Amino acid sequence: EDGYAYTGSFPKTIDADTWIIASDDADTIRVSSLEAGENYRFSIFEYNGDGADRNYLTPGFSLTQRTLEVPSLTLSKSQLDFKNTKLASSKSMNVTLKAKYLPKDVKILECYTNSEYFTVEPSVIEVDTTAFSKVLTLSFSPEEYKLYQDTLTVSLGELSCKMLLKGQGAEKDNHIY
């Protein structure tokens, strides 16, 4: 948009399908965390001027590229923070697991943590398709007044993804006023 300089941290969300990845004079840029087997459209716009005097050359150069169709497991979040959780109680949160282009010869997907304070349901998923989306429920049950950390691991043969889990044992649960 003419007259606007995009600054600060990136990426910036413009709408559901449009993000600004960078706004600088770099010759190259690396884009990561793209989903397998999806089409992405990249556009580059030249500009001159600064701040309210910035003008963009439109239309810019555009390229549509499809990512490789490789087996992938992705979680909807990179970490879950259960924050303050009352001792001897349990707090649950959901994340979505997406799987694409799975090998047909592996049939069991495992979901697990390394401690009894964080649990995941379901812990075993029978795979009968090459792609699916499934909601996982993670629970945190502290026994002491301390900070807990763990990792959720989702694996299917040699394919895996991980998510950081955190929680704090407390006298009272978090409250929103």
C-alpha atoms as a PDB file:
ATOM      1  CA  GLU A   1       0.000   0.000   0.000  1.00  0.00           C
ATOM      2  CA  ASP A   2       1.507   3.345  -1.054  1.00  0.00           C
ATOM      3  CA  GLY A   3       2.366   5.687   1.798  1.00  0.00           C
ATOM      4  CA  TYR A   4       2.960   2.871   4.299  1.00  0.00           C
ATOM      5  CA  ALA A   5       6.344   1.464   5.380  1.00  0.00           C
ATOM      6  CA  TYR A   6       6.101  -2.062   6.796  1.00  0.00           C
ATOM      7  CA  THR A   7       8.460  -2.209   9.797  1.00  0.00           C
ATOM      8  CA  GLY A   8       8.944  -4.198  12.985  1.00  0.00           C
ATOM      9  CA  SER A   9       8.859  -7.974  13.324  1.00  0.00           C
ATOM     10  CA  PHE A  10       7.910 -10.294  10.477  1.00  0.00           C
ATOM     11  CA  PRO A  11       5.953 -12.110   9.178  1.00  0.00           C
ATOM     12  CA  LYS A  12       2.992  -9.710   9.249  1.00  0.00           C
ATOM     13  CA  THR A  13      -0.491 -11.017   8.488  1.00  0.00           C
ATOM     14  CA  ILE A  14      -2.399  -8.933   5.938  1.00  0.00           C
ATOM     15  CA  ASP A  15      -5.355 -11.320   5.568  1.00  0.00           C
ATOM     16  CA  ALA A  16      -5.984 -15.095   5.826  1.00  0.00           C
ATOM     17  CA  ASP A  17      -3.940 -15.814   2.685  1.00  0.00           C
ATOM     18  CA  THR A  18      -1.424 -12.935   2.609  1.00  0.00           C
ATOM     19  CA  TRP A  19       1.663 -12.324   4.739  1.00  0.00           C
ATOM     20  CA  ILE A  20       4.536  -9.910   4.416  1.00  0.00           C
ATOM     21  CA  ILE A  21       7.705 -11.910   5.021  1.00  0.00           C
ATOM     22  CA  ALA A  22      10.211  -9.040   4.840  1.00  0.00           C
ATOM     23  CA  SER A  23      10.452  -5.367   3.960  1.00  0.00           C
ATOM     24  CA  ASP A  24      14.061  -4.461   3.395  1.00  0.00           C
ATOM     25  CA  ASP A  25      16.780  -4.337   0.754  1.00  0.00           C
ATOM     26  CA  ALA A  26      17.935  -7.972   1.082  1.00  0.00           C
ATOM     27  CA  ASP A  27      18.896  -9.832  -2.098  1.00  0.00           C
ATOM     28  CA  THR A  28      17.664 -13.191  -0.768  1.00  0.00           C
ATOM     29  CA  ILE A  29      15.163 -14.430   1.790  1.00  0.00           C
ATOM     30  CA  ARG A  30      14.475 -17.846   3.304  1.00  0.00           C
ATOM     31  CA  VAL A  31      10.889 -18.934   3.981  1.00  0.00           C
ATOM     32  CA  SER A  32      10.322 -21.915   6.280  1.00  0.00           C
ATOM     33  CA  SER A  33       7.458 -23.815   7.973  1.00  0.00           C
ATOM     34  CA  LEU A  34       5.546 -24.282   4.725  1.00  0.00           C
ATOM     35  CA  GLU A  35       3.142 -27.223   4.460  1.00  0.00           C
ATOM     36  CA  ALA A  36       3.982 -30.118   2.163  1.00  0.00           C
ATOM     37  CA  GLY A  37       2.131 -30.369  -1.163  1.00  0.00           C
ATOM     38  CA  GLU A  38       0.644 -26.856  -1.062  1.00  0.00           C
ATOM     39  CA  ASN A  39       0.805 -24.023  -3.600  1.00  0.00           C
ATOM     40  CA  TYR A  40       2.360 -20.758  -2.423  1.00  0.00           C
ATOM     41  CA  ARG A  41       2.435 -17.488  -4.337  1.00  0.00           C
ATOM     42  CA  PHE A  42       5.399 -15.216  -3.752  1.00  0.00           C
ATOM     43  CA  SER A  43       5.407 -11.579  -4.877  1.00  0.00           C
ATOM     44  CA  ILE A  44       8.178  -9.012  -4.862  1.00  0.00           C
ATOM     45  CA  PHE A  45       7.462  -5.275  -5.011  1.00  0.00           C
ATOM     46  CA  GLU A  46      10.052  -2.607  -5.669  1.00  0.00           C
ATOM     47  CA  TYR A  47       9.623   0.646  -3.780  1.00  0.00           C
ATOM     48  CA  ASN A  48      11.186   4.035  -3.293  1.00  0.00           C
ATOM     49  CA  GLY A  49      10.774   6.643  -0.581  1.00  0.00           C
ATOM     50  CA  ASP A  50      10.314   6.264   3.167  1.00  0.00           C
ATOM     51  CA  GLY A  51       7.354   6.330   5.567  1.00  0.00           C
ATOM     52  CA  ALA A  52       4.369   8.247   4.190  1.00  0.00           C
ATOM     53  CA  ASP A  53       6.349   8.995   1.012  1.00  0.00           C
ATOM     54  CA  ARG A  54       6.926   5.310   0.152  1.00  0.00           C
ATOM     55  CA  ASN A  55       5.611   4.250  -3.270  1.00  0.00           C
ATOM     56  CA  TYR A  56       5.402   0.643  -4.491  1.00  0.00           C
ATOM     57  CA  LEU A  57       5.781  -0.490  -8.102  1.00  0.00           C
ATOM     58  CA  THR A  58       2.662  -2.550  -8.840  1.00  0.00           C
ATOM     59  CA  PRO A  59       2.088  -5.083 -10.087  1.00  0.00           C
ATOM     60  CA  GLY A  60       5.215  -6.687  -8.688  1.00  0.00           C
ATOM     61  CA  PHE A  61       6.939  -9.864  -9.829  1.00  0.00           C
ATOM     62  CA  SER A  62       5.004 -13.007  -8.783  1.00  0.00           C
ATOM     63  CA  LEU A  63       5.799 -16.703  -8.759  1.00  0.00           C
ATOM     64  CA  THR A  64       3.605 -19.627  -7.721  1.00  0.00           C
ATOM     65  CA  GLN A  65       5.481 -22.633  -6.369  1.00  0.00           C
ATOM     66  CA  ARG A  66       4.229 -25.979  -5.046  1.00  0.00           C
ATOM     67  CA  THR A  67       6.089 -27.487  -2.122  1.00  0.00           C
ATOM     68  CA  LEU A  68       7.258 -31.087  -2.360  1.00  0.00           C
ATOM     69  CA  GLU A  69       4.829 -33.865  -1.526  1.00  0.00           C
ATOM     70  CA  VAL A  70       6.909 -35.389   1.251  1.00  0.00           C
ATOM     71  CA  PRO A  71       5.587 -37.153   4.371  1.00  0.00           C
ATOM     72  CA  SER A  72       4.872 -34.599   7.099  1.00  0.00           C
ATOM     73  CA  LEU A  73       3.487 -34.366  10.621  1.00  0.00           C
ATOM     74  CA  THR A  74       2.690 -30.877  11.938  1.00  0.00           C
ATOM     75  CA  LEU A  75       1.142 -29.611  15.168  1.00  0.00           C
ATOM     76  CA  SER A  76      -1.000 -26.457  15.282  1.00  0.00           C
ATOM     77  CA  LYS A  77       1.258 -24.941  17.984  1.00  0.00           C
ATOM     78  CA  SER A  78       4.964 -25.102  18.747  1.00  0.00           C
ATOM     79  CA  GLN A  79       4.391 -24.988  22.512  1.00  0.00           C
ATOM     80  CA  LEU A  80       1.673 -25.165  25.175  1.00  0.00           C
ATOM     81  CA  ASP A  81       1.944 -23.282  28.467  1.00  0.00           C
ATOM     82  CA  PHE A  82      -0.495 -24.476  31.116  1.00  0.00           C
ATOM     83  CA  LYS A  83       0.716 -21.635  33.400  1.00  0.00           C
ATOM     84  CA  ASN A  84      -0.472 -21.858  37.029  1.00  0.00           C
ATOM     85  CA  THR A  85      -2.345 -25.086  37.729  1.00  0.00           C
ATOM     86  CA  LYS A  86      -3.639 -26.004  41.174  1.00  0.00           C
ATOM     87  CA  LEU A  87      -1.912 -28.968  42.798  1.00  0.00           C
ATOM     88  CA  ALA A  88      -3.861 -32.263  42.701  1.00  0.00           C
ATOM     89  CA  SER A  89      -5.983 -30.966  39.811  1.00  0.00           C
ATOM     90  CA  SER A  90      -5.694 -31.282  36.055  1.00  0.00           C
ATOM     91  CA  LYS A  91      -5.846 -28.748  33.229  1.00  0.00           C
ATOM     92  CA  SER A  92      -6.389 -29.771  29.581  1.00  0.00           C
ATOM     93  CA  MET A  93      -5.688 -28.067  26.245  1.00  0.00           C
ATOM     94  CA  ASN A  94      -6.141 -29.171  22.620  1.00  0.00           C
ATOM     95  CA  VAL A  95      -3.853 -29.035  19.593  1.00  0.00           C
ATOM     96  CA  THR A  96      -4.455 -30.265  16.062  1.00  0.00           C
ATOM     97  CA  LEU A  97      -2.163 -32.788  14.433  1.00  0.00           C
ATOM     98  CA  LYS A  98      -2.040 -32.733  10.619  1.00  0.00           C
ATOM     99  CA  ALA A  99      -0.493 -35.551   8.632  1.00  0.00           C
ATOM    100  CA  LYS A 100       0.137 -35.590   4.876  1.00  0.00           C
ATOM    101  CA  TYR A 101       1.654 -37.995   2.353  1.00  0.00           C
ATOM    102  CA  LEU A 102       2.177 -40.717   4.926  1.00  0.00           C
ATOM    103  CA  PRO A 103       3.807 -43.992   3.877  1.00  0.00           C
ATOM    104  CA  LYS A 104       1.259 -46.754   3.350  1.00  0.00           C
ATOM    105  CA  ASP A 105       3.330 -49.399   5.122  1.00  0.00           C
ATOM    106  CA  VAL A 106       3.359 -47.744   8.593  1.00  0.00           C
ATOM    107  CA  LYS A 107       0.050 -48.131  10.437  1.00  0.00           C
ATOM    108  CA  ILE A 108       0.592 -46.942  14.042  1.00  0.00           C
ATOM    109  CA  LEU A 109       1.270 -43.342  15.100  1.00  0.00           C
ATOM    110  CA  GLU A 110       2.451 -42.804  18.684  1.00  0.00           C
ATOM    111  CA  CYS A 111       2.009 -39.681  20.825  1.00  0.00           C
ATOM    112  CA  TYR A 112       3.914 -39.481  24.112  1.00  0.00           C
ATOM    113  CA  THR A 113       5.550 -37.295  26.751  1.00  0.00           C
ATOM    114  CA  ASN A 114       8.483 -38.122  29.036  1.00  0.00           C
ATOM    115  CA  SER A 115       6.792 -37.618  32.417  1.00  0.00           C
ATOM    116  CA  GLU A 116       3.588 -38.581  34.185  1.00  0.00           C
ATOM    117  CA  TYR A 117       2.701 -34.892  34.780  1.00  0.00           C
ATOM    118  CA  PHE A 118       1.857 -34.299  31.099  1.00  0.00           C
ATOM    119  CA  THR A 119      -0.348 -36.802  29.255  1.00  0.00           C
ATOM    120  CA  VAL A 120      -1.778 -36.966  25.736  1.00  0.00           C
ATOM    121  CA  GLU A 121      -4.931 -38.580  24.357  1.00  0.00           C
ATOM    122  CA  PRO A 122      -5.063 -40.433  22.136  1.00  0.00           C
ATOM    123  CA  SER A 123      -1.603 -41.867  22.683  1.00  0.00           C
ATOM    124  CA  VAL A 124      -1.906 -44.312  19.769  1.00  0.00           C
ATOM    125  CA  ILE A 125      -3.594 -43.574  16.422  1.00  0.00           C
ATOM    126  CA  GLU A 126      -4.219 -46.297  13.865  1.00  0.00           C
ATOM    127  CA  VAL A 127      -3.397 -44.869  10.454  1.00  0.00           C
ATOM    128  CA  ASP A 128      -5.452 -46.116   7.523  1.00  0.00           C
ATOM    129  CA  THR A 129      -4.998 -43.189   5.134  1.00  0.00           C
ATOM    130  CA  THR A 130      -2.143 -41.083   3.744  1.00  0.00           C
ATOM    131  CA  ALA A 131      -3.537 -37.807   5.173  1.00  0.00           C
ATOM    132  CA  PHE A 132      -5.634 -36.800   8.190  1.00  0.00           C
ATOM    133  CA  SER A 133      -6.263 -34.157  10.847  1.00  0.00           C
ATOM    134  CA  LYS A 134      -6.789 -35.162  14.486  1.00  0.00           C
ATOM    135  CA  VAL A 135      -7.344 -33.223  17.720  1.00  0.00           C
ATOM    136  CA  LEU A 136      -4.999 -34.229  20.544  1.00  0.00           C
ATOM    137  CA  THR A 137      -5.874 -33.429  24.170  1.00  0.00           C
ATOM    138  CA  LEU A 138      -2.948 -32.703  26.468  1.00  0.00           C
ATOM    139  CA  SER A 139      -3.374 -32.638  30.240  1.00  0.00           C
ATOM    140  CA  PHE A 140      -1.143 -31.268  32.994  1.00  0.00           C
ATOM    141  CA  SER A 141      -1.393 -32.523  36.611  1.00  0.00           C
ATOM    142  CA  PRO A 142       1.241 -30.987  38.920  1.00  0.00           C
ATOM    143  CA  GLU A 143       2.151 -32.476  42.289  1.00  0.00           C
ATOM    144  CA  GLU A 144       4.571 -29.799  43.562  1.00  0.00           C
ATOM    145  CA  TYR A 145       4.927 -26.003  43.581  1.00  0.00           C
ATOM    146  CA  LYS A 146       7.454 -25.855  40.755  1.00  0.00           C
ATOM    147  CA  LEU A 147       7.921 -25.259  37.039  1.00  0.00           C
ATOM    148  CA  TYR A 148       7.455 -28.363  34.882  1.00  0.00           C
ATOM    149  CA  GLN A 149       8.744 -28.790  31.325  1.00  0.00           C
ATOM    150  CA  ASP A 150       8.387 -31.684  28.927  1.00  0.00           C
ATOM    151  CA  THR A 151       8.134 -32.480  25.233  1.00  0.00           C
ATOM    152  CA  LEU A 152       5.245 -33.979  23.300  1.00  0.00           C
ATOM    153  CA  THR A 153       6.599 -36.285  20.609  1.00  0.00           C
ATOM    154  CA  VAL A 154       4.446 -37.573  17.765  1.00  0.00           C
ATOM    155  CA  SER A 155       6.074 -40.304  15.695  1.00  0.00           C
ATOM    156  CA  LEU A 156       5.212 -42.557  12.787  1.00  0.00           C
ATOM    157  CA  GLY A 157       8.158 -44.768  11.918  1.00  0.00           C
ATOM    158  CA  GLU A 158      11.092 -42.419  11.277  1.00  0.00           C
ATOM    159  CA  LEU A 159       8.799 -39.384  10.826  1.00  0.00           C
ATOM    160  CA  SER A 160       8.219 -37.211  13.922  1.00  0.00           C
ATOM    161  CA  CYS A 161       7.348 -33.764  15.257  1.00  0.00           C
ATOM    162  CA  LYS A 162       7.700 -32.227  18.717  1.00  0.00           C
ATOM    163  CA  MET A 163       6.105 -29.562  20.889  1.00  0.00           C
ATOM    164  CA  LEU A 164       7.355 -27.944  24.120  1.00  0.00           C
ATOM    165  CA  LEU A 165       5.069 -28.305  27.168  1.00  0.00           C
ATOM    166  CA  LYS A 166       5.277 -26.041  30.232  1.00  0.00           C
ATOM    167  CA  GLY A 167       3.255 -25.663  33.416  1.00  0.00           C
ATOM    168  CA  GLN A 168       3.570 -24.321  36.946  1.00  0.00           C
ATOM    169  CA  GLY A 169       2.280 -26.096  40.050  1.00  0.00           C
ATOM    170  CA  ALA A 170       0.392 -23.480  42.088  1.00  0.00           C
ATOM    171  CA  GLU A 171      -1.912 -22.961  45.039  1.00  0.00           C
ATOM    172  CA  LYS A 172      -4.656 -21.640  42.731  1.00  0.00           C
ATOM    173  CA  ASP A 173      -5.478 -21.896  39.029  1.00  0.00           C
ATOM    174  CA  ASN A 174      -5.051 -18.877  36.735  1.00  0.00           C
ATOM    175  CA  HIS A 175      -8.084 -16.622  36.807  1.00  0.00           C
ATOM    176  CA  ILE A 176      -9.267 -14.085  34.244  1.00  0.00           C
ATOM    177  CA  TYR A 177     -11.004 -11.041  35.727  1.00  0.00           C
END
